Amino acid sequence: MIYPMFAMVLLTFVVGGITFIARINSVKSGAVKARYYKVMQSTDVPEALIQKSNNFNNLFQIPTLFYAAGCLIISLGIVNQSAIVLSWLFVISRIVHSYIHITYNHILHRIYAFMAGNLCILLLWIYILINTPTL
């Protein structure tokens, strides 16, 4: 379980780095004024920059349910192949989602990856409920 969780952490740092570089470059090129980043509100922001920022923010939403599920699975001692496979499928779906979101951003492709990840999270939580010893 720890490896898929670490992979999600790495994805978050990679997308954070991509977003940071895009923000620096947007100021250097003059596409965005530095003061935009005080409150992140303006109508004159390049779409590609918004996509990257939105994707970075997405990595602090649904993935929190993944981290919570992973910690529960480890602490309850109910790690098995099913949990690991579902975890890796979630991570893969988020990698695909991030790639689509920060590159060509085709909404239908992105929603398929997003929903696949959400299904994995739902199944992980059902797995926890089924396998948790009654306390």
N, C-alpha and C. Protein backbone atom coordinates (compact mmCIF):
# COMPACT_ATOMS: atom_id res chain seq x y z
N MET A 1 0.82 -1.21 0.00
CA MET A 1 0.00 0.00 0.00
C MET A 1 0.85 1.26 0.00
N ILE A 2 2.00 1.16 0.62
CA ILE A 2 2.82 2.35 0.76
C ILE A 2 3.37 2.82 -0.60
N TYR A 3 3.61 1.89 -1.52
CA TYR A 3 4.16 2.28 -2.83
C TYR A 3 3.15 3.05 -3.68
N PRO A 4 1.89 2.61 -3.77
CA PRO A 4 0.93 3.44 -4.51
C PRO A 4 0.71 4.80 -3.84
N MET A 5 0.72 4.81 -2.51
CA MET A 5 0.55 6.09 -1.82
C MET A 5 1.73 7.02 -2.12
N PHE A 6 2.94 6.46 -2.11
CA PHE A 6 4.11 7.28 -2.44
C PHE A 6 4.06 7.75 -3.90
N ALA A 7 3.57 6.91 -4.78
CA ALA A 7 3.43 7.30 -6.20
C ALA A 7 2.49 8.50 -6.33
N MET A 8 1.42 8.52 -5.52
CA MET A 8 0.51 9.68 -5.55
C MET A 8 1.21 10.93 -5.04
N VAL A 9 2.03 10.77 -4.00
CA VAL A 9 2.79 11.90 -3.48
C VAL A 9 3.73 12.43 -4.56
N LEU A 10 4.41 11.51 -5.25
CA LEU A 10 5.31 11.93 -6.34
C LEU A 10 4.54 12.65 -7.44
N LEU A 11 3.38 12.12 -7.83
CA LEU A 11 2.57 12.78 -8.85
C LEU A 11 2.23 14.20 -8.41
N THR A 12 1.86 14.37 -7.16
CA THR A 12 1.51 15.69 -6.64
C THR A 12 2.70 16.64 -6.75
N PHE A 13 3.89 16.16 -6.40
CA PHE A 13 5.08 17.01 -6.49
C PHE A 13 5.45 17.31 -7.94
N VAL A 14 5.29 16.35 -8.83
CA VAL A 14 5.60 16.58 -10.24
C VAL A 14 4.65 17.64 -10.82
N VAL A 15 3.36 17.47 -10.59
CA VAL A 15 2.39 18.45 -11.10
C VAL A 15 2.60 19.80 -10.43
N GLY A 16 2.94 19.79 -9.14
CA GLY A 16 3.26 21.05 -8.45
C GLY A 16 4.45 21.75 -9.08
N GLY A 17 5.47 20.99 -9.44
CA GLY A 17 6.64 21.55 -10.11
C GLY A 17 6.30 22.11 -11.48
N ILE A 18 5.51 21.36 -12.23
CA ILE A 18 5.07 21.83 -13.56
C ILE A 18 4.28 23.13 -13.42
N THR A 19 3.40 23.17 -12.43
CA THR A 19 2.58 24.36 -12.20
C THR A 19 3.45 25.54 -11.79
N PHE A 20 4.40 25.30 -10.90
CA PHE A 20 5.32 26.36 -10.45
C PHE A 20 6.09 26.94 -11.62
N ILE A 21 6.65 26.08 -12.46
CA ILE A 21 7.41 26.53 -13.62
C ILE A 21 6.51 27.32 -14.57
N ALA A 22 5.30 26.84 -14.78
CA ALA A 22 4.36 27.55 -15.67
C ALA A 22 4.02 28.93 -15.11
N ARG A 23 3.89 29.04 -13.80
CA ARG A 23 3.59 30.33 -13.18
C ARG A 23 4.77 31.29 -13.32
N ILE A 24 5.96 30.81 -13.07
CA ILE A 24 7.16 31.65 -13.22
C ILE A 24 7.27 32.12 -14.67
N ASN A 25 7.11 31.19 -15.61
CA ASN A 25 7.21 31.54 -17.03
C ASN A 25 6.12 32.52 -17.47
N SER A 26 4.93 32.41 -16.87
CA SER A 26 3.85 33.32 -17.24
C SER A 26 4.17 34.75 -16.83
N VAL A 27 4.85 34.91 -15.72
CA VAL A 27 5.25 36.26 -15.28
C VAL A 27 6.41 36.76 -16.13
N LYS A 28 7.39 35.89 -16.36
CA LYS A 28 8.55 36.29 -17.18
C LYS A 28 8.15 36.71 -18.58
N SER A 29 7.18 35.99 -19.16
CA SER A 29 6.75 36.30 -20.54
C SER A 29 5.80 37.49 -20.60
N GLY A 30 5.32 37.91 -19.45
CA GLY A 30 4.37 39.03 -19.43
C GLY A 30 2.92 38.61 -19.65
N ALA A 31 2.67 37.32 -19.73
CA ALA A 31 1.30 36.84 -19.94
C ALA A 31 0.43 37.10 -18.72
N VAL A 32 1.06 37.13 -17.54
CA VAL A 32 0.35 37.37 -16.29
C VAL A 32 1.21 38.31 -15.45
N LYS A 33 0.56 39.25 -14.79
CA LYS A 33 1.29 40.13 -13.88
C LYS A 33 1.49 39.40 -12.55
N ALA A 34 2.61 39.64 -11.91
CA ALA A 34 2.94 38.96 -10.66
C ALA A 34 1.85 39.17 -9.60
N ARG A 35 1.21 40.31 -9.59
CA ARG A 35 0.18 40.58 -8.58
C ARG A 35 -1.04 39.65 -8.71
N TYR A 36 -1.19 39.04 -9.89
CA TYR A 36 -2.29 38.06 -10.06
C TYR A 36 -2.21 36.97 -8.99
N TYR A 37 -1.03 36.57 -8.62
CA TYR A 37 -0.85 35.45 -7.70
C TYR A 37 -1.18 35.78 -6.25
N LYS A 38 -1.48 37.05 -5.96
CA LYS A 38 -1.90 37.41 -4.60
C LYS A 38 -3.25 36.77 -4.27
N VAL A 39 -4.20 36.89 -5.20
CA VAL A 39 -5.55 36.33 -4.95
C VAL A 39 -6.01 35.39 -6.06
N MET A 40 -5.18 35.23 -7.09
CA MET A 40 -5.46 34.30 -8.20
C MET A 40 -6.81 34.58 -8.87
N GLN A 41 -7.08 35.87 -9.10
CA GLN A 41 -8.32 36.21 -9.79
C GLN A 41 -8.04 37.25 -10.86
N SER A 42 -8.43 36.90 -12.07
CA SER A 42 -8.26 37.79 -13.20
C SER A 42 -8.94 37.14 -14.40
N THR A 43 -9.27 37.94 -15.36
CA THR A 43 -9.86 37.39 -16.59
C THR A 43 -8.82 37.20 -17.67
N ASP A 44 -7.61 37.68 -17.42
CA ASP A 44 -6.56 37.65 -18.44
C ASP A 44 -5.48 36.61 -18.13
N VAL A 45 -5.90 35.40 -17.84
CA VAL A 45 -4.95 34.33 -17.51
C VAL A 45 -5.00 33.29 -18.62
N PRO A 46 -3.86 32.88 -19.13
CA PRO A 46 -3.84 31.86 -20.18
C PRO A 46 -4.52 30.56 -19.71
N GLU A 47 -5.28 29.97 -20.61
CA GLU A 47 -6.02 28.74 -20.29
C GLU A 47 -5.10 27.62 -19.82
N ALA A 48 -3.94 27.50 -20.45
CA ALA A 48 -3.00 26.43 -20.08
C ALA A 48 -2.54 26.58 -18.64
N LEU A 49 -2.37 27.80 -18.18
CA LEU A 49 -1.96 28.04 -16.79
C LEU A 49 -3.09 27.67 -15.83
N ILE A 50 -4.30 28.01 -16.18
CA ILE A 50 -5.46 27.65 -15.35
C ILE A 50 -5.59 26.13 -15.26
N GLN A 51 -5.40 25.44 -16.39
CA GLN A 51 -5.48 23.98 -16.41
C GLN A 51 -4.48 23.36 -15.44
N LYS A 52 -3.25 23.83 -15.49
CA LYS A 52 -2.21 23.28 -14.62
C LYS A 52 -2.53 23.55 -13.16
N SER A 53 -2.96 24.78 -12.86
CA SER A 53 -3.30 25.13 -11.48
C SER A 53 -4.49 24.32 -10.99
N ASN A 54 -5.49 24.16 -11.84
CA ASN A 54 -6.66 23.37 -11.45
C ASN A 54 -6.29 21.91 -11.20
N ASN A 55 -5.41 21.37 -12.04
CA ASN A 55 -5.01 19.98 -11.84
C ASN A 55 -4.24 19.81 -10.54
N PHE A 56 -3.36 20.75 -10.24
CA PHE A 56 -2.62 20.68 -8.98
C PHE A 56 -3.60 20.71 -7.80
N ASN A 57 -4.59 21.60 -7.86
CA ASN A 57 -5.60 21.66 -6.80
C ASN A 57 -6.39 20.36 -6.71
N ASN A 58 -6.70 19.74 -7.85
CA ASN A 58 -7.43 18.47 -7.87
C ASN A 58 -6.71 17.39 -7.08
N LEU A 59 -5.39 17.46 -7.04
CA LEU A 59 -4.60 16.43 -6.36
C LEU A 59 -4.69 16.54 -4.83
N PHE A 60 -5.43 17.53 -4.35
CA PHE A 60 -5.67 17.67 -2.90
C PHE A 60 -7.15 17.46 -2.58
N GLN A 61 -7.89 16.90 -3.51
CA GLN A 61 -9.31 16.66 -3.30
C GLN A 61 -9.58 15.16 -3.18
N ILE A 62 -9.98 14.49 -4.22
CA ILE A 62 -10.30 13.06 -4.16
C ILE A 62 -9.13 12.23 -3.62
N PRO A 63 -7.88 12.54 -3.98
CA PRO A 63 -6.79 11.72 -3.43
C PRO A 63 -6.72 11.69 -1.90
N THR A 64 -7.30 12.66 -1.22
CA THR A 64 -7.30 12.59 0.25
C THR A 64 -8.08 11.37 0.73
N LEU A 65 -9.12 11.00 0.00
CA LEU A 65 -9.88 9.78 0.33
C LEU A 65 -9.02 8.54 0.11
N PHE A 66 -8.14 8.61 -0.88
CA PHE A 66 -7.20 7.51 -1.15
C PHE A 66 -6.20 7.37 -0.01
N TYR A 67 -5.63 8.50 0.42
CA TYR A 67 -4.65 8.45 1.51
C TYR A 67 -5.30 7.93 2.80
N ALA A 68 -6.51 8.38 3.07
CA ALA A 68 -7.22 7.91 4.27
C ALA A 68 -7.48 6.40 4.18
N ALA A 69 -7.93 5.94 3.01
CA ALA A 69 -8.19 4.51 2.83
C ALA A 69 -6.90 3.71 2.98
N GLY A 70 -5.82 4.19 2.39
CA GLY A 70 -4.54 3.50 2.49
C GLY A 70 -4.06 3.39 3.93
N CYS A 71 -4.18 4.48 4.67
CA CYS A 71 -3.76 4.45 6.08
C CYS A 71 -4.63 3.48 6.89
N LEU A 72 -5.92 3.46 6.62
CA LEU A 72 -6.81 2.52 7.31
C LEU A 72 -6.46 1.07 6.98
N ILE A 73 -6.24 0.81 5.71
CA ILE A 73 -5.93 -0.55 5.27
C ILE A 73 -4.64 -1.04 5.93
N ILE A 74 -3.64 -0.17 5.99
CA ILE A 74 -2.37 -0.54 6.64
C ILE A 74 -2.58 -0.73 8.13
N SER A 75 -3.24 0.23 8.78
CA SER A 75 -3.37 0.17 10.24
C SER A 75 -4.27 -0.98 10.70
N LEU A 76 -5.24 -1.35 9.89
CA LEU A 76 -6.12 -2.47 10.24
C LEU A 76 -5.51 -3.82 9.87
N GLY A 77 -4.39 -3.79 9.14
CA GLY A 77 -3.72 -5.02 8.76
C GLY A 77 -4.52 -5.84 7.76
N ILE A 78 -5.22 -5.15 6.86
CA ILE A 78 -6.06 -5.87 5.88
C ILE A 78 -5.53 -5.70 4.45
N VAL A 79 -4.23 -5.50 4.34
CA VAL A 79 -3.62 -5.36 3.01
C VAL A 79 -3.64 -6.72 2.32
N ASN A 80 -4.15 -6.74 1.11
CA ASN A 80 -4.02 -7.94 0.26
C ASN A 80 -3.95 -7.49 -1.19
N GLN A 81 -3.89 -8.45 -2.09
CA GLN A 81 -3.72 -8.16 -3.51
C GLN A 81 -4.82 -7.27 -4.06
N SER A 82 -6.05 -7.47 -3.63
CA SER A 82 -7.18 -6.65 -4.12
C SER A 82 -6.96 -5.18 -3.80
N ALA A 83 -6.58 -4.90 -2.56
CA ALA A 83 -6.36 -3.51 -2.15
C ALA A 83 -5.21 -2.89 -2.92
N ILE A 84 -4.17 -3.66 -3.13
CA ILE A 84 -3.00 -3.15 -3.85
C ILE A 84 -3.33 -2.87 -5.30
N VAL A 85 -4.05 -3.79 -5.94
CA VAL A 85 -4.44 -3.59 -7.35
C VAL A 85 -5.35 -2.37 -7.48
N LEU A 86 -6.34 -2.24 -6.61
CA LEU A 86 -7.24 -1.07 -6.67
C LEU A 86 -6.45 0.23 -6.44
N SER A 87 -5.48 0.17 -5.54
CA SER A 87 -4.67 1.36 -5.27
C SER A 87 -3.85 1.76 -6.49
N TRP A 88 -3.20 0.79 -7.12
CA TRP A 88 -2.42 1.10 -8.32
C TRP A 88 -3.32 1.57 -9.46
N LEU A 89 -4.50 1.00 -9.59
CA LEU A 89 -5.43 1.46 -10.63
C LEU A 89 -5.84 2.90 -10.38
N PHE A 90 -6.05 3.25 -9.11
CA PHE A 90 -6.37 4.64 -8.79
C PHE A 90 -5.22 5.56 -9.19
N VAL A 91 -4.01 5.18 -8.82
CA VAL A 91 -2.84 6.01 -9.14
C VAL A 91 -2.69 6.17 -10.65
N ILE A 92 -2.84 5.08 -11.37
CA ILE A 92 -2.74 5.14 -12.84
C ILE A 92 -3.81 6.06 -13.41
N SER A 93 -5.03 5.96 -12.88
CA SER A 93 -6.11 6.82 -13.38
C SER A 93 -5.80 8.29 -13.12
N ARG A 94 -5.17 8.58 -11.98
CA ARG A 94 -4.83 9.97 -11.66
C ARG A 94 -3.66 10.48 -12.51
N ILE A 95 -2.73 9.59 -12.83
CA ILE A 95 -1.64 9.98 -13.73
C ILE A 95 -2.22 10.32 -15.10
N VAL A 96 -3.10 9.45 -15.60
CA VAL A 96 -3.74 9.69 -16.90
C VAL A 96 -4.56 10.97 -16.85
N HIS A 97 -5.33 11.15 -15.78
CA HIS A 97 -6.15 12.35 -15.63
C HIS A 97 -5.27 13.60 -15.65
N SER A 98 -4.17 13.58 -14.90
CA SER A 98 -3.28 14.74 -14.86
C SER A 98 -2.65 15.00 -16.22
N TYR A 99 -2.20 13.95 -16.88
CA TYR A 99 -1.61 14.11 -18.21
C TYR A 99 -2.61 14.77 -19.17
N ILE A 100 -3.82 14.25 -19.19
CA ILE A 100 -4.84 14.82 -20.08
C ILE A 100 -5.12 16.26 -19.70
N HIS A 101 -5.29 16.52 -18.41
CA HIS A 101 -5.67 17.84 -17.93
C HIS A 101 -4.63 18.90 -18.26
N ILE A 102 -3.34 18.56 -18.12
CA ILE A 102 -2.32 19.59 -18.33
C ILE A 102 -1.75 19.61 -19.75
N THR A 103 -2.24 18.71 -20.61
CA THR A 103 -1.79 18.74 -22.00
C THR A 103 -2.95 19.11 -22.92
N TYR A 104 -3.58 18.13 -23.53
CA TYR A 104 -4.58 18.44 -24.56
C TYR A 104 -5.98 18.66 -24.00
N ASN A 105 -6.23 18.29 -22.77
CA ASN A 105 -7.45 18.60 -22.01
C ASN A 105 -8.76 18.27 -22.73
N HIS A 106 -8.83 17.09 -23.30
CA HIS A 106 -10.09 16.63 -23.92
C HIS A 106 -11.03 16.21 -22.79
N ILE A 107 -12.15 16.90 -22.66
CA ILE A 107 -13.03 16.73 -21.50
C ILE A 107 -13.56 15.30 -21.37
N LEU A 108 -13.91 14.66 -22.47
CA LEU A 108 -14.45 13.30 -22.40
C LEU A 108 -13.38 12.31 -21.93
N HIS A 109 -12.18 12.44 -22.45
CA HIS A 109 -11.08 11.56 -22.02
C HIS A 109 -10.78 11.79 -20.53
N ARG A 110 -10.79 13.06 -20.16
CA ARG A 110 -10.49 13.41 -18.77
C ARG A 110 -11.54 12.86 -17.81
N ILE A 111 -12.81 12.95 -18.18
CA ILE A 111 -13.87 12.48 -17.29
C ILE A 111 -13.82 10.96 -17.15
N TYR A 112 -13.44 10.26 -18.20
CA TYR A 112 -13.30 8.79 -18.09
C TYR A 112 -12.21 8.44 -17.06
N ALA A 113 -11.08 9.11 -17.14
CA ALA A 113 -10.00 8.85 -16.19
C ALA A 113 -10.43 9.23 -14.77
N PHE A 114 -11.11 10.35 -14.65
CA PHE A 114 -11.59 10.83 -13.35
C PHE A 114 -12.57 9.83 -12.73
N MET A 115 -13.53 9.37 -13.52
CA MET A 115 -14.53 8.44 -13.00
C MET A 115 -13.93 7.07 -12.69
N ALA A 116 -12.96 6.64 -13.47
CA ALA A 116 -12.27 5.37 -13.18
C ALA A 116 -11.60 5.45 -11.82
N GLY A 117 -10.94 6.57 -11.54
CA GLY A 117 -10.31 6.76 -10.24
C GLY A 117 -11.31 6.80 -9.11
N ASN A 118 -12.42 7.49 -9.33
CA ASN A 118 -13.46 7.55 -8.30
C ASN A 118 -14.04 6.17 -8.00
N LEU A 119 -14.21 5.37 -9.04
CA LEU A 119 -14.70 4.01 -8.85
C LEU A 119 -13.71 3.20 -8.00
N CYS A 120 -12.43 3.36 -8.27
CA CYS A 120 -11.40 2.66 -7.48
C CYS A 120 -11.48 3.07 -6.01
N ILE A 121 -11.67 4.35 -5.75
CA ILE A 121 -11.77 4.82 -4.36
C ILE A 121 -13.01 4.24 -3.69
N LEU A 122 -14.13 4.26 -4.40
CA LEU A 122 -15.35 3.68 -3.83
C LEU A 122 -15.14 2.20 -3.51
N LEU A 123 -14.52 1.47 -4.43
CA LEU A 123 -14.27 0.04 -4.20
C LEU A 123 -13.29 -0.19 -3.05
N LEU A 124 -12.31 0.68 -2.90
CA LEU A 124 -11.38 0.57 -1.77
C LEU A 124 -12.13 0.75 -0.44
N TRP A 125 -13.03 1.70 -0.39
CA TRP A 125 -13.78 1.93 0.84
C TRP A 125 -14.75 0.78 1.12
N ILE A 126 -15.35 0.23 0.08
CA ILE A 126 -16.19 -0.96 0.27
C ILE A 126 -15.34 -2.12 0.76
N TYR A 127 -14.15 -2.27 0.20
CA TYR A 127 -13.20 -3.29 0.64
C TYR A 127 -12.91 -3.13 2.13
N ILE A 128 -12.69 -1.90 2.58
CA ILE A 128 -12.42 -1.65 3.99
C ILE A 128 -13.60 -2.08 4.85
N LEU A 129 -14.80 -1.69 4.43
CA LEU A 129 -16.00 -2.06 5.22
C LEU A 129 -16.18 -3.57 5.31
N ILE A 130 -15.93 -4.26 4.22
CA ILE A 130 -16.11 -5.72 4.20
C ILE A 130 -15.04 -6.42 5.03
N ASN A 131 -13.83 -5.91 5.02
CA ASN A 131 -12.70 -6.60 5.65
C ASN A 131 -12.32 -6.11 7.04
N THR A 132 -12.99 -5.09 7.52
CA THR A 132 -12.67 -4.58 8.85
C THR A 132 -13.28 -5.49 9.90
N PRO A 133 -12.44 -5.96 10.82
CA PRO A 133 -12.98 -6.79 11.90
C PRO A 133 -13.93 -5.94 12.76
N THR A 134 -14.99 -6.55 13.22
CA THR A 134 -15.94 -5.81 14.06
C THR A 134 -15.26 -5.48 15.38
N LEU A 135 -15.44 -4.27 15.81
CA LEU A 135 -14.78 -3.80 17.03
C LEU A 135 -15.74 -3.82 18.20
